[in-house]
């Protein structure tokens, strides 16, 4: 990565002093794993989902920013969770344009907000890089559904519950495995008549 146009360092070695400078990614922009709500409605809970390949923002963000630029106009600022990322650059140069990045403890780890020109917001579910492809795909589909009412921080839980039910565990069967009982107590679990009070 080029820091301030001078020396080159690996993308993962950004020091605290370097976060005040504009960071330029030395790697070419990759095609992001991104799914957006198809209608472009501004009334959706989430606008879609992004599944980065790593927690290195300097590598991952340029491709995402360019993809959002094409759909919603130029991104000017990003709001991210304070935790979960390898580094916290405050400014990132993407194709000669400088963007500001803000990190907040109150921002859910699973949410990224892009502020575009004309003050438009794009709220994306962030699927952790190590998530299995089946779970990630289901979460991204749900996040990009126009009628979705599940908040970003609850989507993976909702998807995993749905997968459990679809794998053959009907709600009653799930209750049975959680300690509930639907029918008579099996013979091996009955208390012998003599020991009853």
N, C-alpha and C. Protein backbone atom coordinates (compact mmCIF):
# COMPACT_ATOMS: atom_id res chain seq x y z
N UNK A 1 0.84 -1.17 0.00
CA UNK A 1 0.00 0.00 0.00
C UNK A 1 0.88 1.23 0.00
N UNK A 2 0.47 2.27 -0.63
CA UNK A 2 1.19 3.53 -0.61
C UNK A 2 0.57 4.40 0.46
N UNK A 3 1.38 4.87 1.37
CA UNK A 3 0.89 5.73 2.43
C UNK A 3 1.40 7.13 2.16
N UNK A 4 0.47 8.03 1.92
CA UNK A 4 0.86 9.42 1.64
C UNK A 4 1.73 9.56 0.41
N UNK A 5 1.65 8.60 -0.52
CA UNK A 5 2.40 8.68 -1.76
C UNK A 5 3.86 8.32 -1.60
N UNK A 6 4.32 7.94 -0.41
CA UNK A 6 5.73 7.66 -0.18
C UNK A 6 6.03 6.18 -0.17
N UNK A 7 6.40 5.69 0.99
CA UNK A 7 6.89 4.32 1.13
C UNK A 7 5.78 3.28 0.89
N UNK A 8 6.22 2.05 0.60
CA UNK A 8 5.29 0.95 0.40
C UNK A 8 5.40 0.00 1.57
N UNK A 9 4.24 -0.45 2.08
CA UNK A 9 4.18 -1.42 3.16
C UNK A 9 3.11 -2.44 2.84
N UNK A 10 3.16 -3.61 3.49
CA UNK A 10 2.07 -4.56 3.32
C UNK A 10 0.77 -3.95 3.84
N UNK A 11 -0.35 -4.33 3.26
CA UNK A 11 -1.65 -3.75 3.60
C UNK A 11 -2.02 -3.96 5.05
N UNK A 12 -1.48 -4.95 5.73
CA UNK A 12 -1.87 -5.24 7.10
C UNK A 12 -1.09 -4.45 8.13
N UNK A 13 -0.03 -3.76 7.76
CA UNK A 13 0.80 -3.05 8.73
C UNK A 13 0.52 -1.56 8.74
N UNK A 14 -0.70 -1.18 9.09
CA UNK A 14 -1.05 0.22 9.19
C UNK A 14 -0.93 0.62 10.64
N UNK A 15 -0.07 1.58 10.93
CA UNK A 15 0.12 2.01 12.31
C UNK A 15 -0.87 3.09 12.68
N UNK A 16 -0.95 3.42 13.97
CA UNK A 16 -1.89 4.43 14.44
C UNK A 16 -1.63 5.76 13.76
N UNK A 17 -0.37 6.16 13.61
CA UNK A 17 -0.05 7.43 12.95
C UNK A 17 -0.49 7.41 11.49
N UNK A 18 -0.39 6.24 10.85
CA UNK A 18 -0.76 6.13 9.44
C UNK A 18 -2.26 6.28 9.23
N UNK A 19 -3.08 6.04 10.25
CA UNK A 19 -4.53 6.14 10.07
C UNK A 19 -4.97 7.57 9.82
N UNK A 20 -4.11 8.55 10.11
CA UNK A 20 -4.46 9.95 9.86
C UNK A 20 -4.18 10.35 8.41
N UNK A 21 -3.45 9.53 7.69
CA UNK A 21 -3.10 9.83 6.30
C UNK A 21 -4.08 9.14 5.37
N UNK A 22 -4.07 9.57 4.13
CA UNK A 22 -4.89 8.90 3.13
C UNK A 22 -4.17 7.63 2.69
N UNK A 23 -4.88 6.51 2.78
CA UNK A 23 -4.32 5.22 2.42
C UNK A 23 -4.72 4.90 0.97
N UNK A 24 -3.75 4.43 0.21
CA UNK A 24 -3.99 4.04 -1.17
C UNK A 24 -3.72 2.55 -1.27
N UNK A 25 -4.70 1.79 -1.71
CA UNK A 25 -4.52 0.35 -1.84
C UNK A 25 -3.60 0.05 -3.02
N UNK A 26 -2.60 -0.80 -2.78
CA UNK A 26 -1.67 -1.17 -3.84
C UNK A 26 -2.20 -2.33 -4.67
N UNK A 27 -3.25 -2.99 -4.17
CA UNK A 27 -3.82 -4.13 -4.89
C UNK A 27 -4.95 -3.65 -5.79
N UNK A 28 -5.13 -4.28 -6.95
CA UNK A 28 -6.23 -3.88 -7.82
C UNK A 28 -7.57 -4.19 -7.16
N UNK A 29 -8.59 -3.42 -7.52
CA UNK A 29 -9.92 -3.63 -6.96
C UNK A 29 -10.45 -4.99 -7.39
N UNK A 30 -10.94 -5.76 -6.42
CA UNK A 30 -11.51 -7.06 -6.74
C UNK A 30 -13.02 -6.91 -6.91
N UNK A 31 -13.63 -7.90 -7.54
CA UNK A 31 -15.09 -7.91 -7.69
C UNK A 31 -15.66 -8.32 -6.34
N UNK A 32 -16.48 -7.45 -5.72
CA UNK A 32 -16.98 -7.77 -4.39
C UNK A 32 -18.10 -8.80 -4.45
N UNK A 33 -18.21 -9.57 -3.37
CA UNK A 33 -19.35 -10.47 -3.23
C UNK A 33 -20.46 -9.61 -2.62
N UNK A 34 -21.31 -9.11 -3.48
CA UNK A 34 -22.31 -8.11 -3.12
C UNK A 34 -23.65 -8.50 -3.71
N UNK A 35 -24.69 -8.38 -2.90
CA UNK A 35 -26.06 -8.61 -3.37
C UNK A 35 -26.89 -7.42 -2.91
N UNK A 36 -27.56 -6.75 -3.86
CA UNK A 36 -28.36 -5.58 -3.52
C UNK A 36 -29.83 -5.83 -3.76
N UNK A 37 -30.65 -5.12 -3.00
CA UNK A 37 -32.10 -5.18 -3.15
C UNK A 37 -32.41 -4.73 -4.58
N UNK A 38 -33.19 -5.54 -5.34
CA UNK A 38 -33.31 -5.31 -6.79
C UNK A 38 -34.11 -4.09 -7.22
N UNK A 39 -35.02 -3.58 -6.41
CA UNK A 39 -35.88 -2.49 -6.87
C UNK A 39 -35.26 -1.11 -6.65
N UNK A 40 -34.24 -1.02 -5.80
CA UNK A 40 -33.65 0.27 -5.48
C UNK A 40 -34.52 1.08 -4.54
N UNK A 41 -35.47 0.42 -3.89
CA UNK A 41 -36.38 1.11 -2.96
C UNK A 41 -35.61 1.74 -1.82
N UNK A 42 -36.00 2.94 -1.45
CA UNK A 42 -35.36 3.63 -0.33
C UNK A 42 -36.08 3.31 0.98
N UNK A 43 -37.10 2.47 0.93
CA UNK A 43 -37.89 2.16 2.13
C UNK A 43 -37.55 0.80 2.74
N UNK A 44 -36.50 0.17 2.26
CA UNK A 44 -36.14 -1.14 2.79
C UNK A 44 -35.33 -0.99 4.08
N UNK A 45 -35.36 -2.03 4.90
CA UNK A 45 -34.57 -2.02 6.13
C UNK A 45 -33.08 -2.06 5.81
N UNK A 46 -32.70 -2.92 4.88
CA UNK A 46 -31.31 -3.02 4.40
C UNK A 46 -31.32 -2.92 2.88
N UNK A 47 -30.23 -2.43 2.35
CA UNK A 47 -30.12 -2.30 0.90
C UNK A 47 -29.44 -3.51 0.26
N UNK A 48 -29.00 -4.44 1.08
CA UNK A 48 -28.35 -5.62 0.55
C UNK A 48 -27.30 -6.14 1.51
N UNK A 49 -26.33 -6.89 0.96
CA UNK A 49 -25.31 -7.52 1.79
C UNK A 49 -23.99 -7.59 1.06
N UNK A 50 -22.93 -7.59 1.85
CA UNK A 50 -21.55 -7.67 1.34
C UNK A 50 -20.83 -8.74 2.13
N UNK A 51 -20.12 -9.62 1.41
CA UNK A 51 -19.36 -10.71 2.04
C UNK A 51 -17.89 -10.54 1.67
N UNK A 52 -17.14 -9.78 2.48
CA UNK A 52 -15.71 -9.58 2.16
C UNK A 52 -14.93 -10.88 2.28
N UNK A 53 -13.83 -10.96 1.58
CA UNK A 53 -12.97 -12.15 1.62
C UNK A 53 -11.98 -12.14 2.79
N UNK A 54 -11.79 -10.94 3.38
CA UNK A 54 -10.87 -10.81 4.51
C UNK A 54 -11.33 -9.65 5.38
N UNK A 55 -10.60 -9.40 6.46
CA UNK A 55 -10.90 -8.27 7.34
C UNK A 55 -9.95 -7.09 7.07
N UNK A 56 -9.28 -7.11 5.93
CA UNK A 56 -8.37 -6.04 5.53
C UNK A 56 -9.15 -5.03 4.69
N UNK A 57 -9.56 -3.93 5.30
CA UNK A 57 -10.38 -2.94 4.61
C UNK A 57 -9.69 -2.30 3.42
N UNK A 58 -8.38 -2.12 3.51
CA UNK A 58 -7.63 -1.48 2.42
C UNK A 58 -7.72 -2.33 1.15
N UNK A 59 -7.79 -3.63 1.31
CA UNK A 59 -7.91 -4.54 0.17
C UNK A 59 -9.37 -4.68 -0.26
N UNK A 60 -10.26 -4.80 0.70
CA UNK A 60 -11.66 -5.14 0.40
C UNK A 60 -12.53 -3.97 -0.05
N UNK A 61 -12.31 -2.78 0.49
CA UNK A 61 -13.24 -1.68 0.24
C UNK A 61 -13.23 -1.11 -1.19
N UNK A 62 -12.09 -0.99 -1.88
CA UNK A 62 -12.15 -0.36 -3.21
C UNK A 62 -13.15 -1.01 -4.17
N UNK A 63 -13.19 -2.32 -4.24
CA UNK A 63 -14.14 -2.98 -5.13
C UNK A 63 -15.58 -2.72 -4.72
N UNK A 64 -15.85 -2.73 -3.42
CA UNK A 64 -17.19 -2.46 -2.92
C UNK A 64 -17.62 -1.03 -3.25
N UNK A 65 -16.72 -0.09 -3.02
CA UNK A 65 -17.03 1.32 -3.27
C UNK A 65 -17.34 1.55 -4.75
N UNK A 66 -16.54 0.97 -5.63
CA UNK A 66 -16.78 1.15 -7.07
C UNK A 66 -18.11 0.53 -7.49
N UNK A 67 -18.48 -0.60 -6.87
CA UNK A 67 -19.76 -1.24 -7.20
C UNK A 67 -20.93 -0.38 -6.74
N UNK A 68 -20.84 0.19 -5.55
CA UNK A 68 -21.91 1.07 -5.05
C UNK A 68 -21.98 2.34 -5.90
N UNK A 69 -20.82 2.87 -6.29
CA UNK A 69 -20.77 4.07 -7.14
C UNK A 69 -21.65 3.89 -8.39
N UNK A 70 -21.57 2.73 -9.02
CA UNK A 70 -22.29 2.48 -10.27
C UNK A 70 -23.80 2.47 -10.07
N UNK A 71 -24.24 2.09 -8.87
CA UNK A 71 -25.68 1.92 -8.63
C UNK A 71 -26.31 3.13 -7.95
N UNK A 72 -25.62 3.69 -6.95
CA UNK A 72 -26.21 4.77 -6.15
C UNK A 72 -25.47 6.09 -6.24
N UNK A 73 -24.46 6.17 -7.06
CA UNK A 73 -23.70 7.41 -7.15
C UNK A 73 -22.47 7.35 -6.28
N UNK A 74 -21.58 8.32 -6.42
CA UNK A 74 -20.28 8.27 -5.73
C UNK A 74 -20.41 8.19 -4.21
N UNK A 75 -19.69 7.23 -3.64
CA UNK A 75 -19.62 7.09 -2.19
C UNK A 75 -18.66 8.16 -1.67
N UNK A 76 -19.06 8.87 -0.62
CA UNK A 76 -18.21 9.91 -0.04
C UNK A 76 -17.72 9.54 1.35
N UNK A 77 -18.45 8.65 2.04
CA UNK A 77 -18.10 8.30 3.41
C UNK A 77 -18.61 6.91 3.74
N UNK A 78 -17.88 6.20 4.60
CA UNK A 78 -18.31 4.89 5.08
C UNK A 78 -18.34 4.90 6.60
N UNK A 79 -19.34 4.26 7.16
CA UNK A 79 -19.47 4.10 8.61
C UNK A 79 -19.39 2.60 8.89
N UNK A 80 -18.45 2.23 9.75
CA UNK A 80 -18.21 0.82 10.05
C UNK A 80 -18.15 0.59 11.56
N UNK A 81 -18.23 -0.68 11.95
CA UNK A 81 -18.05 -1.04 13.35
C UNK A 81 -16.61 -0.79 13.75
N UNK A 82 -16.40 -0.46 15.01
CA UNK A 82 -15.04 -0.18 15.50
C UNK A 82 -14.22 -1.45 15.62
N UNK A 83 -14.85 -2.59 15.77
CA UNK A 83 -14.12 -3.85 15.93
C UNK A 83 -14.29 -4.72 14.68
N UNK A 84 -13.43 -5.73 14.59
CA UNK A 84 -13.55 -6.71 13.53
C UNK A 84 -12.69 -6.48 12.30
N UNK A 85 -11.96 -5.37 12.24
CA UNK A 85 -11.14 -5.06 11.07
C UNK A 85 -9.66 -5.02 11.46
N UNK A 86 -8.80 -5.39 10.51
CA UNK A 86 -7.35 -5.42 10.76
C UNK A 86 -6.78 -4.04 11.04
N UNK A 87 -7.30 -3.04 10.38
CA UNK A 87 -6.81 -1.67 10.54
C UNK A 87 -7.99 -0.72 10.46
N UNK A 88 -7.73 0.53 10.81
CA UNK A 88 -8.79 1.55 10.81
C UNK A 88 -8.35 2.82 10.07
N UNK A 89 -8.11 2.71 8.76
CA UNK A 89 -7.73 3.92 8.04
C UNK A 89 -8.88 4.93 8.08
N UNK A 90 -8.53 6.20 8.24
CA UNK A 90 -9.55 7.26 8.30
C UNK A 90 -9.88 7.84 6.93
N UNK A 91 -8.93 7.70 6.01
CA UNK A 91 -9.14 8.17 4.64
C UNK A 91 -8.62 7.11 3.69
N UNK A 92 -9.38 6.87 2.64
CA UNK A 92 -9.00 5.86 1.66
C UNK A 92 -9.14 6.47 0.27
N UNK A 93 -8.10 6.33 -0.54
CA UNK A 93 -8.15 6.83 -1.90
C UNK A 93 -8.59 5.70 -2.82
N UNK A 94 -9.66 5.96 -3.58
CA UNK A 94 -10.18 4.97 -4.53
C UNK A 94 -10.30 5.66 -5.89
N UNK A 95 -9.48 5.24 -6.84
CA UNK A 95 -9.46 5.82 -8.19
C UNK A 95 -9.33 7.33 -8.16
N UNK A 96 -8.40 7.81 -7.35
CA UNK A 96 -8.11 9.24 -7.28
C UNK A 96 -9.09 10.06 -6.45
N UNK A 97 -10.05 9.41 -5.83
CA UNK A 97 -11.04 10.10 -5.00
C UNK A 97 -10.83 9.72 -3.55
N UNK A 98 -10.85 10.68 -2.65
CA UNK A 98 -10.63 10.41 -1.23
C UNK A 98 -11.96 10.24 -0.50
N UNK A 99 -12.06 9.17 0.26
CA UNK A 99 -13.26 8.89 1.05
C UNK A 99 -12.90 8.90 2.53
N UNK A 100 -13.82 9.36 3.35
CA UNK A 100 -13.63 9.33 4.80
C UNK A 100 -14.28 8.06 5.36
N UNK A 101 -13.62 7.46 6.35
CA UNK A 101 -14.13 6.27 7.01
C UNK A 101 -14.28 6.57 8.49
N UNK A 102 -15.43 6.23 9.05
CA UNK A 102 -15.69 6.42 10.47
C UNK A 102 -15.96 5.09 11.14
N UNK A 103 -15.46 4.92 12.35
CA UNK A 103 -15.60 3.67 13.10
C UNK A 103 -16.29 3.98 14.42
N UNK A 104 -17.35 3.24 14.73
CA UNK A 104 -18.13 3.52 15.93
C UNK A 104 -18.41 2.24 16.69
N UNK A 105 -18.26 2.30 18.02
CA UNK A 105 -18.56 1.15 18.86
C UNK A 105 -20.05 0.82 18.82
N UNK A 106 -20.88 1.81 18.57
CA UNK A 106 -22.32 1.60 18.53
C UNK A 106 -22.79 0.97 17.21
N UNK A 107 -21.95 0.97 16.20
CA UNK A 107 -22.31 0.38 14.90
C UNK A 107 -22.18 -1.13 15.01
N UNK A 108 -23.23 -1.90 14.70
CA UNK A 108 -23.12 -3.36 14.74
C UNK A 108 -22.01 -3.85 13.80
N UNK A 109 -21.31 -4.87 14.22
CA UNK A 109 -20.23 -5.45 13.41
C UNK A 109 -20.77 -5.90 12.05
N UNK A 110 -22.02 -6.28 12.02
CA UNK A 110 -22.62 -6.81 10.80
C UNK A 110 -23.27 -5.74 9.92
N UNK A 111 -22.94 -4.47 10.13
CA UNK A 111 -23.55 -3.40 9.35
C UNK A 111 -22.49 -2.42 8.83
N UNK A 112 -22.58 -2.09 7.56
CA UNK A 112 -21.76 -1.05 6.95
C UNK A 112 -22.73 -0.05 6.32
N UNK A 113 -22.48 1.23 6.55
CA UNK A 113 -23.31 2.27 5.96
C UNK A 113 -22.44 3.12 5.04
N UNK A 114 -22.85 3.20 3.78
CA UNK A 114 -22.17 4.05 2.80
C UNK A 114 -23.02 5.29 2.60
N UNK A 115 -22.38 6.45 2.69
CA UNK A 115 -23.05 7.71 2.41
C UNK A 115 -22.60 8.14 1.02
N UNK A 116 -23.57 8.34 0.14
CA UNK A 116 -23.28 8.68 -1.24
C UNK A 116 -23.54 10.17 -1.47
N UNK A 117 -23.18 10.63 -2.66
CA UNK A 117 -23.49 12.01 -3.04
C UNK A 117 -24.99 12.20 -2.89
N UNK A 118 -25.42 13.40 -2.67
CA UNK A 118 -26.83 13.74 -2.40
C UNK A 118 -27.30 13.16 -1.07
N UNK A 119 -26.36 12.80 -0.19
CA UNK A 119 -26.65 12.31 1.16
C UNK A 119 -27.49 11.04 1.21
N UNK A 120 -27.45 10.23 0.17
CA UNK A 120 -28.17 8.96 0.17
C UNK A 120 -27.37 7.93 0.93
N UNK A 121 -28.10 7.07 1.66
CA UNK A 121 -27.48 6.00 2.45
C UNK A 121 -27.64 4.66 1.77
N UNK A 122 -26.65 3.81 1.94
CA UNK A 122 -26.73 2.41 1.53
C UNK A 122 -26.32 1.61 2.75
N UNK A 123 -27.28 0.88 3.34
CA UNK A 123 -27.02 0.05 4.51
C UNK A 123 -26.86 -1.39 4.08
N UNK A 124 -25.69 -1.96 4.37
CA UNK A 124 -25.40 -3.33 3.95
C UNK A 124 -25.11 -4.24 5.14
N UNK A 125 -25.69 -5.42 5.09
CA UNK A 125 -25.28 -6.48 6.01
C UNK A 125 -23.84 -6.84 5.66
N UNK A 126 -22.99 -6.99 6.66
CA UNK A 126 -21.62 -7.46 6.44
C UNK A 126 -21.56 -8.89 6.95
N UNK A 127 -21.32 -9.82 6.04
CA UNK A 127 -21.20 -11.23 6.40
C UNK A 127 -19.73 -11.49 6.67
N UNK A 128 -19.41 -12.05 7.82
CA UNK A 128 -18.01 -12.29 8.20
C UNK A 128 -17.30 -13.15 7.16
N UNK A 129 -16.04 -12.86 6.87
CA UNK A 129 -15.30 -13.60 5.84
C UNK A 129 -15.29 -15.11 6.02
N UNK A 130 -15.23 -15.61 7.24
CA UNK A 130 -15.14 -17.05 7.47
C UNK A 130 -16.46 -17.78 7.45
N UNK A 131 -17.55 -17.12 7.13
CA UNK A 131 -18.87 -17.75 7.11
C UNK A 131 -18.95 -18.77 5.98
N UNK A 132 -19.62 -19.90 6.24
CA UNK A 132 -19.77 -20.91 5.20
C UNK A 132 -20.59 -20.36 4.04
N UNK A 133 -20.36 -20.85 2.85
CA UNK A 133 -21.02 -20.29 1.68
C UNK A 133 -22.53 -20.44 1.73
N UNK A 134 -23.04 -21.54 2.23
CA UNK A 134 -24.49 -21.73 2.31
C UNK A 134 -25.14 -20.71 3.23
N UNK A 135 -24.55 -20.51 4.39
CA UNK A 135 -25.07 -19.54 5.36
C UNK A 135 -24.93 -18.12 4.82
N UNK A 136 -23.77 -17.82 4.24
CA UNK A 136 -23.55 -16.48 3.68
C UNK A 136 -24.55 -16.17 2.58
N UNK A 137 -24.78 -17.12 1.69
CA UNK A 137 -25.71 -16.90 0.58
C UNK A 137 -27.13 -16.67 1.10
N UNK A 138 -27.56 -17.49 2.06
CA UNK A 138 -28.91 -17.33 2.62
C UNK A 138 -29.06 -15.98 3.31
N UNK A 139 -28.03 -15.56 4.04
CA UNK A 139 -28.07 -14.27 4.74
C UNK A 139 -28.11 -13.11 3.74
N UNK A 140 -27.34 -13.23 2.66
CA UNK A 140 -27.31 -12.17 1.66
C UNK A 140 -28.64 -12.06 0.91
N UNK A 141 -29.25 -13.20 0.64
CA UNK A 141 -30.56 -13.19 -0.02
C UNK A 141 -31.59 -12.51 0.86
N UNK A 142 -31.61 -12.86 2.16
CA UNK A 142 -32.56 -12.26 3.08
C UNK A 142 -32.34 -10.75 3.19
N UNK A 143 -31.09 -10.33 3.32
CA UNK A 143 -30.77 -8.90 3.46
C UNK A 143 -31.18 -8.11 2.22
N UNK A 144 -31.16 -8.74 1.06
CA UNK A 144 -31.48 -8.05 -0.19
C UNK A 144 -32.94 -8.19 -0.60
N UNK A 145 -33.75 -8.81 0.27
CA UNK A 145 -35.17 -8.96 -0.01
C UNK A 145 -35.91 -7.68 0.36
N UNK A 146 -36.72 -7.18 -0.53
CA UNK A 146 -37.42 -5.92 -0.33
C UNK A 146 -38.26 -5.93 0.94
N UNK A 147 -38.89 -7.05 1.25
CA UNK A 147 -39.79 -7.14 2.41
C UNK A 147 -39.10 -7.58 3.70
N UNK A 148 -37.78 -7.67 3.69
CA UNK A 148 -37.05 -8.11 4.88
C UNK A 148 -37.30 -7.17 6.07
N UNK A 149 -37.60 -7.76 7.23
CA UNK A 149 -37.80 -6.97 8.45
C UNK A 149 -36.79 -7.34 9.54
N UNK A 150 -35.76 -8.12 9.17
CA UNK A 150 -34.76 -8.56 10.14
C UNK A 150 -33.57 -7.61 10.08
N UNK A 151 -33.17 -7.08 11.24
CA UNK A 151 -32.03 -6.17 11.32
C UNK A 151 -30.73 -6.94 11.07
N UNK A 152 -29.70 -6.21 10.62
CA UNK A 152 -28.42 -6.82 10.24
C UNK A 152 -27.86 -7.72 11.33
N UNK A 153 -27.89 -7.27 12.59
CA UNK A 153 -27.29 -8.04 13.67
C UNK A 153 -28.05 -9.33 13.99
N UNK A 154 -29.26 -9.50 13.43
CA UNK A 154 -30.05 -10.71 13.70
C UNK A 154 -30.19 -11.63 12.50
N UNK A 155 -29.66 -11.25 11.36
CA UNK A 155 -29.88 -12.04 10.15
C UNK A 155 -29.23 -13.41 10.21
N UNK A 156 -27.99 -13.51 10.66
CA UNK A 156 -27.34 -14.83 10.69
C UNK A 156 -28.08 -15.78 11.63
N UNK A 157 -28.59 -15.28 12.74
CA UNK A 157 -29.38 -16.10 13.65
C UNK A 157 -30.66 -16.56 12.97
N UNK A 158 -31.35 -15.65 12.28
CA UNK A 158 -32.59 -16.00 11.57
C UNK A 158 -32.33 -17.05 10.50
N UNK A 159 -31.23 -16.90 9.78
CA UNK A 159 -30.89 -17.84 8.71
C UNK A 159 -30.55 -19.21 9.29
N UNK A 160 -29.81 -19.25 10.40
CA UNK A 160 -29.44 -20.54 10.98
C UNK A 160 -30.67 -21.24 11.56
N UNK A 161 -31.61 -20.50 12.13
CA UNK A 161 -32.86 -21.11 12.62
C UNK A 161 -33.65 -21.70 11.46
N UNK A 162 -33.73 -20.96 10.38
CA UNK A 162 -34.46 -21.42 9.20
C UNK A 162 -33.82 -22.69 8.64
N UNK A 163 -32.49 -22.72 8.59
CA UNK A 163 -31.79 -23.90 8.07
C UNK A 163 -32.04 -25.11 8.95
N UNK A 164 -32.10 -24.91 10.26
CA UNK A 164 -32.38 -26.01 11.18
C UNK A 164 -33.75 -26.58 10.91
N UNK A 165 -34.72 -25.72 10.72
CA UNK A 165 -36.09 -26.19 10.47
C UNK A 165 -36.19 -26.88 9.13
N UNK A 166 -35.50 -26.37 8.11
CA UNK A 166 -35.57 -26.98 6.79
C UNK A 166 -34.82 -28.30 6.72
N UNK A 167 -33.90 -28.54 7.63
CA UNK A 167 -33.12 -29.77 7.59
C UNK A 167 -33.87 -30.95 8.19
N UNK A 168 -35.15 -30.79 8.43
CA UNK A 168 -35.93 -31.91 8.94
C UNK A 168 -36.41 -31.71 10.35
N UNK A 169 -35.93 -30.71 11.03
CA UNK A 169 -36.39 -30.44 12.38
C UNK A 169 -37.60 -29.51 12.31
N UNK A 170 -38.79 -30.09 12.34
CA UNK A 170 -39.99 -29.28 12.43
C UNK A 170 -39.96 -28.63 13.80
N UNK A 171 -40.73 -27.57 14.03
CA UNK A 171 -40.71 -26.90 15.33
C UNK A 171 -40.94 -27.87 16.50
N UNK A 172 -41.84 -28.84 16.31
CA UNK A 172 -42.09 -29.80 17.39
C UNK A 172 -40.88 -30.68 17.65
N UNK A 173 -40.20 -31.09 16.55
CA UNK A 173 -39.01 -31.93 16.72
C UNK A 173 -37.90 -31.14 17.39
N UNK A 174 -37.77 -29.88 17.06
CA UNK A 174 -36.76 -29.04 17.70
C UNK A 174 -37.07 -28.92 19.18
N UNK A 175 -38.34 -28.79 19.52
CA UNK A 175 -38.74 -28.71 20.93
C UNK A 175 -38.36 -29.99 21.65
N UNK A 176 -38.59 -31.14 21.03
CA UNK A 176 -38.24 -32.43 21.63
C UNK A 176 -36.74 -32.49 21.95
N UNK A 177 -35.91 -32.01 21.03
CA UNK A 177 -34.48 -32.08 21.26
C UNK A 177 -34.00 -31.05 22.27
N UNK A 178 -34.80 -30.02 22.52
CA UNK A 178 -34.45 -29.01 23.51
C UNK A 178 -34.93 -29.36 24.91
N UNK A 179 -35.53 -30.53 25.08
CA UNK A 179 -35.94 -30.96 26.41
C UNK A 179 -37.44 -31.03 26.63
N UNK A 180 -38.22 -30.57 25.67
CA UNK A 180 -39.68 -30.66 25.82
C UNK A 180 -40.16 -32.05 25.47
N UNK A 181 -41.40 -32.37 25.78
CA UNK A 181 -41.99 -33.67 25.47
C UNK A 181 -43.32 -33.46 24.78
N UNK A 182 -43.57 -34.25 23.73
CA UNK A 182 -44.85 -34.17 23.03
C UNK A 182 -45.75 -35.34 23.37
N UNK A 183 -45.21 -36.48 23.58
CA UNK A 183 -46.02 -37.67 23.78
C UNK A 183 -45.75 -38.30 25.14
N UNK A 184 -46.20 -39.54 25.30
CA UNK A 184 -45.95 -40.23 26.56
C UNK A 184 -44.46 -40.42 26.80
N UNK A 185 -44.06 -40.48 28.05
CA UNK A 185 -42.67 -40.67 28.41
C UNK A 185 -42.26 -42.08 28.03
N UNK A 186 -41.15 -42.25 27.29
CA UNK A 186 -40.71 -43.59 26.91
C UNK A 186 -40.46 -44.45 28.15
N UNK A 187 -40.61 -45.76 27.99
CA UNK A 187 -40.51 -46.70 29.11
C UNK A 187 -39.20 -46.57 29.86
N UNK A 188 -38.08 -46.37 29.19
CA UNK A 188 -36.80 -46.30 29.87
C UNK A 188 -36.68 -45.07 30.77
N UNK A 189 -37.57 -44.06 30.61
CA UNK A 189 -37.51 -42.86 31.43
C UNK A 189 -38.58 -42.82 32.51
N UNK A 190 -39.44 -43.85 32.59
CA UNK A 190 -40.49 -43.86 33.60
C UNK A 190 -39.93 -44.21 34.96
N UNK A 191 -40.49 -43.60 35.97
CA UNK A 191 -40.10 -43.90 37.34
C UNK A 191 -40.85 -45.16 37.76
N UNK A 192 -40.14 -46.20 38.30
CA UNK A 192 -40.82 -47.43 38.72
C UNK A 192 -41.92 -47.12 39.75
N UNK A 193 -43.02 -47.92 39.65
CA UNK A 193 -44.17 -47.72 40.54
C UNK A 193 -43.76 -47.71 41.99
N UNK A 194 -42.86 -48.59 42.41
CA UNK A 194 -42.47 -48.74 43.82
C UNK A 194 -41.80 -47.50 44.36
N UNK A 195 -41.11 -46.73 43.51
CA UNK A 195 -40.38 -45.57 44.01
C UNK A 195 -41.22 -44.29 43.99
N UNK A 196 -42.45 -44.36 43.47
CA UNK A 196 -43.30 -43.18 43.46
C UNK A 196 -43.85 -42.91 44.85
N UNK A 197 -44.01 -41.66 45.22
CA UNK A 197 -44.54 -41.30 46.54
C UNK A 197 -45.96 -40.83 46.38
